Amino acid sequence: SDLINRPISQFILSEDYYTYIRHWKILFETGEPQTIELQMLRNDKLMFWARLNSVIAKNGGQPPVCQVTLTDISEPKRLEHALRERIKELNLLFRLADLLAKSDISLNEVLNKIVPLIPQAWQFPGITEACIELEGQIFQTKGFRKTQWMQTSDIVTQGKTAGRITVCCT
């Protein structure tokens, strides 16, 4: 009901507007059905993901009309994002397991190799840095610095705190 007598373009998020315009251009140039996924705003200004399926339909001797089916795909997009994040985390765990399986590599070498891999498992790897402090030694990424956006966890061995891992967004 929010769309009645209002152009759908009013609901398109500004960063997806070019994609929306291109969608229409291709539809009218080719006459072929087109599908896009883009971000839209509800009347209450909440963002949601939508899939637009557009076709040009003959109108019994009248000018052709465009028919659009709009489907809310927010939940599948949310699940897709969550799955991508879990895959990044699992990739880090697999790499760590591979390093630990090598009998000819020291703990220091493992820590030096794993620290640069840690940011890749976070949501924003381009602005993420990591540091491992273990038994007085420090292993950290090149741009590591503590910020207000950080997560820390103690490293506990045999019931005693042996160090700490810190991950920061810069």
Protein backbone atom coordinates (compact mmCIF):
# COMPACT_ATOMS: atom_id res chain seq x y z
CA SER A 1 0.00 0.00 0.00
CA ASP A 2 2.96 2.35 0.54
CA LEU A 3 3.76 2.19 -3.17
CA ILE A 4 0.33 3.16 -4.52
CA ASN A 5 0.55 6.33 -6.66
CA ARG A 6 4.21 6.83 -5.70
CA PRO A 7 7.24 6.15 -7.85
CA ILE A 8 9.19 3.16 -6.64
CA SER A 9 12.38 5.21 -7.07
CA GLN A 10 11.45 7.14 -3.88
CA PHE A 11 12.10 3.97 -1.91
CA ILE A 12 15.50 3.05 -3.41
CA LEU A 13 18.53 3.61 -1.17
CA SER A 14 20.77 6.26 -2.74
CA GLU A 15 23.79 3.94 -3.12
CA ASP A 16 21.68 1.51 -5.16
CA TYR A 17 19.97 4.14 -7.30
CA TYR A 18 22.40 3.75 -10.23
CA THR A 19 21.82 -0.03 -10.20
CA TYR A 20 18.08 0.63 -10.29
CA ILE A 21 18.37 3.05 -13.26
CA ARG A 22 20.60 0.58 -15.12
CA HIS A 23 18.00 -2.15 -14.49
CA TRP A 24 15.32 -0.08 -16.22
CA LYS A 25 17.60 0.92 -19.07
CA ILE A 26 18.43 -2.72 -19.86
CA LEU A 27 14.78 -3.75 -19.51
CA PHE A 28 13.58 -1.20 -22.06
CA GLU A 29 16.54 -1.66 -24.42
CA THR A 30 16.29 -5.44 -24.59
CA GLY A 31 12.65 -6.13 -23.72
CA GLU A 32 13.96 -9.13 -21.74
CA PRO A 33 12.83 -9.73 -18.14
CA GLN A 34 15.30 -8.32 -15.61
CA THR A 35 16.01 -9.10 -11.96
CA ILE A 36 18.00 -7.06 -9.47
CA GLU A 37 18.61 -7.08 -5.74
CA LEU A 38 18.92 -3.74 -4.02
CA GLN A 39 18.36 -1.93 -0.77
CA MET A 40 15.14 -0.04 -0.24
CA LEU A 41 13.58 2.07 2.49
CA ARG A 42 10.19 1.47 4.04
CA ASN A 43 7.93 4.41 4.87
CA ASP A 44 9.32 4.25 8.43
CA LYS A 45 12.84 4.68 6.90
CA LEU A 46 13.96 1.18 7.87
CA MET A 47 16.18 -0.41 5.24
CA PHE A 48 15.36 -3.77 3.70
CA TRP A 49 16.69 -5.87 0.82
CA ALA A 50 14.40 -6.32 -2.16
CA ARG A 51 14.45 -8.38 -5.33
CA LEU A 52 12.75 -6.68 -8.28
CA ASN A 53 11.60 -8.88 -11.15
CA SER A 54 10.55 -6.65 -14.03
CA VAL A 55 8.91 -7.52 -17.35
CA ILE A 56 7.40 -5.51 -20.16
CA ALA A 57 3.88 -6.77 -20.87
CA LYS A 58 1.74 -6.26 -23.95
CA ASN A 59 -1.43 -4.36 -23.17
CA GLY A 60 -3.92 -5.36 -25.89
CA GLY A 61 -3.11 -2.69 -28.47
CA GLN A 62 -2.27 -0.12 -25.79
CA PRO A 63 1.27 1.01 -25.01
CA PRO A 64 3.19 -1.74 -23.18
CA VAL A 65 3.22 -1.65 -19.41
CA CYS A 66 5.95 -2.64 -17.02
CA GLN A 67 5.09 -5.18 -14.34
CA VAL A 68 7.30 -5.41 -11.28
CA THR A 69 7.27 -8.03 -8.57
CA LEU A 70 8.94 -6.83 -5.40
CA THR A 71 10.04 -9.46 -2.90
CA ASP A 72 11.51 -8.73 0.54
CA ILE A 73 14.72 -10.79 0.71
CA SER A 74 16.10 -9.30 3.93
CA GLU A 75 16.15 -12.58 5.85
CA PRO A 76 18.00 -14.57 3.16
CA LYS A 77 20.49 -11.66 2.84
CA ARG A 78 21.00 -11.62 6.62
CA LEU A 79 21.60 -15.37 6.62
CA GLU A 80 23.97 -15.08 3.64
CA HIS A 81 26.00 -12.44 5.49
CA ALA A 82 26.11 -14.55 8.67
CA LEU A 83 27.24 -17.57 6.65
CA ARG A 84 30.05 -15.56 5.00
CA GLU A 85 31.24 -14.45 8.44
CA ARG A 86 31.25 -18.05 9.75
CA ILE A 87 33.23 -19.16 6.68
CA LYS A 88 35.91 -16.54 7.44
CA GLU A 89 36.12 -17.79 11.03
CA LEU A 90 36.34 -21.42 9.93
CA ASN A 91 39.07 -20.59 7.41
CA LEU A 92 41.14 -19.14 10.25
CA LEU A 93 40.60 -22.26 12.36
CA PHE A 94 41.60 -24.53 9.45
CA ARG A 95 44.77 -22.51 8.86
CA LEU A 96 45.60 -22.64 12.56
CA ALA A 97 45.02 -26.40 12.62
CA ASP A 98 47.33 -26.81 9.61
CA LEU A 99 50.07 -24.83 11.36
CA LEU A 100 49.69 -26.76 14.60
CA ALA A 101 49.83 -30.09 12.75
CA LYS A 102 53.36 -29.36 11.56
CA SER A 103 55.84 -31.00 13.90
CA ASP A 104 58.84 -29.06 12.56
CA ILE A 105 57.54 -25.60 13.49
CA SER A 106 58.07 -23.85 16.83
CA LEU A 107 55.32 -22.15 18.85
CA ASN A 108 56.90 -18.76 18.09
CA GLU A 109 56.72 -19.49 14.36
CA VAL A 110 53.08 -20.55 14.69
CA LEU A 111 52.21 -17.34 16.54
CA ASN A 112 54.12 -15.18 14.03
CA LYS A 113 52.18 -16.83 11.19
CA ILE A 114 48.76 -16.81 12.84
CA VAL A 115 48.68 -13.16 13.99
CA PRO A 116 48.37 -11.71 10.45
CA LEU A 117 45.61 -14.25 9.69
CA ILE A 118 43.39 -13.22 12.62
CA PRO A 119 42.07 -9.94 11.10
CA GLN A 120 40.86 -11.87 8.04
CA ALA A 121 38.33 -13.65 10.26
CA TRP A 122 36.76 -10.40 11.49
CA GLN A 123 33.90 -8.53 9.85
CA PHE A 124 36.07 -5.64 8.65
CA PRO A 125 39.53 -7.13 7.99
CA GLY A 126 40.84 -3.97 6.33
CA ILE A 127 40.66 -2.05 9.61
CA THR A 128 41.39 -4.89 12.03
CA GLU A 129 44.69 -5.54 13.83
CA ALA A 130 45.68 -8.30 16.26
CA CYS A 131 48.13 -8.93 19.07
CA ILE A 132 49.02 -12.06 21.01
CA GLU A 133 50.90 -11.70 24.29
CA LEU A 134 52.14 -15.03 25.56
CA GLU A 135 54.51 -15.59 28.46
CA GLY A 136 56.13 -12.19 28.04
CA GLN A 137 56.47 -12.32 24.26
CA ILE A 138 54.43 -10.13 21.94
CA PHE A 139 53.31 -11.07 18.43
CA GLN A 140 51.32 -8.42 16.60
CA THR A 141 50.25 -7.18 13.21
CA LYS A 142 52.16 -4.27 11.73
CA GLY A 143 49.53 -1.60 12.46
CA PHE A 144 48.39 -2.88 15.85
CA ARG A 145 47.40 -0.30 18.43
CA LYS A 146 44.82 -0.47 21.18
CA THR A 147 41.61 1.41 20.44
CA GLN A 148 38.21 1.73 22.04
CA TRP A 149 36.93 -0.90 19.60
CA MET A 150 38.67 -4.02 20.79
CA GLN A 151 38.03 -7.53 21.98
CA THR A 152 40.33 -9.32 24.37
CA SER A 153 40.50 -12.80 25.78
CA ASP A 154 42.89 -14.41 28.20
CA ILE A 155 45.00 -17.35 27.04
CA VAL A 156 44.72 -19.97 29.76
CA THR A 157 46.96 -23.03 29.97
CA GLN A 158 46.71 -25.58 32.77
CA GLY A 159 44.31 -23.32 34.67
CA LYS A 160 46.67 -20.31 34.65
CA THR A 161 46.57 -17.16 32.55
CA ALA A 162 49.59 -17.32 30.24
CA GLY A 163 48.75 -14.36 28.06
CA ARG A 164 46.12 -12.50 26.15
CA ILE A 165 44.86 -12.06 22.62
CA THR A 166 43.60 -8.62 21.58
CA VAL A 167 41.84 -7.72 18.34
CA CYS A 168 41.19 -4.04 17.56
CA CYS A 169 39.37 -2.12 14.88
CA THR A 170 41.41 0.94 14.01
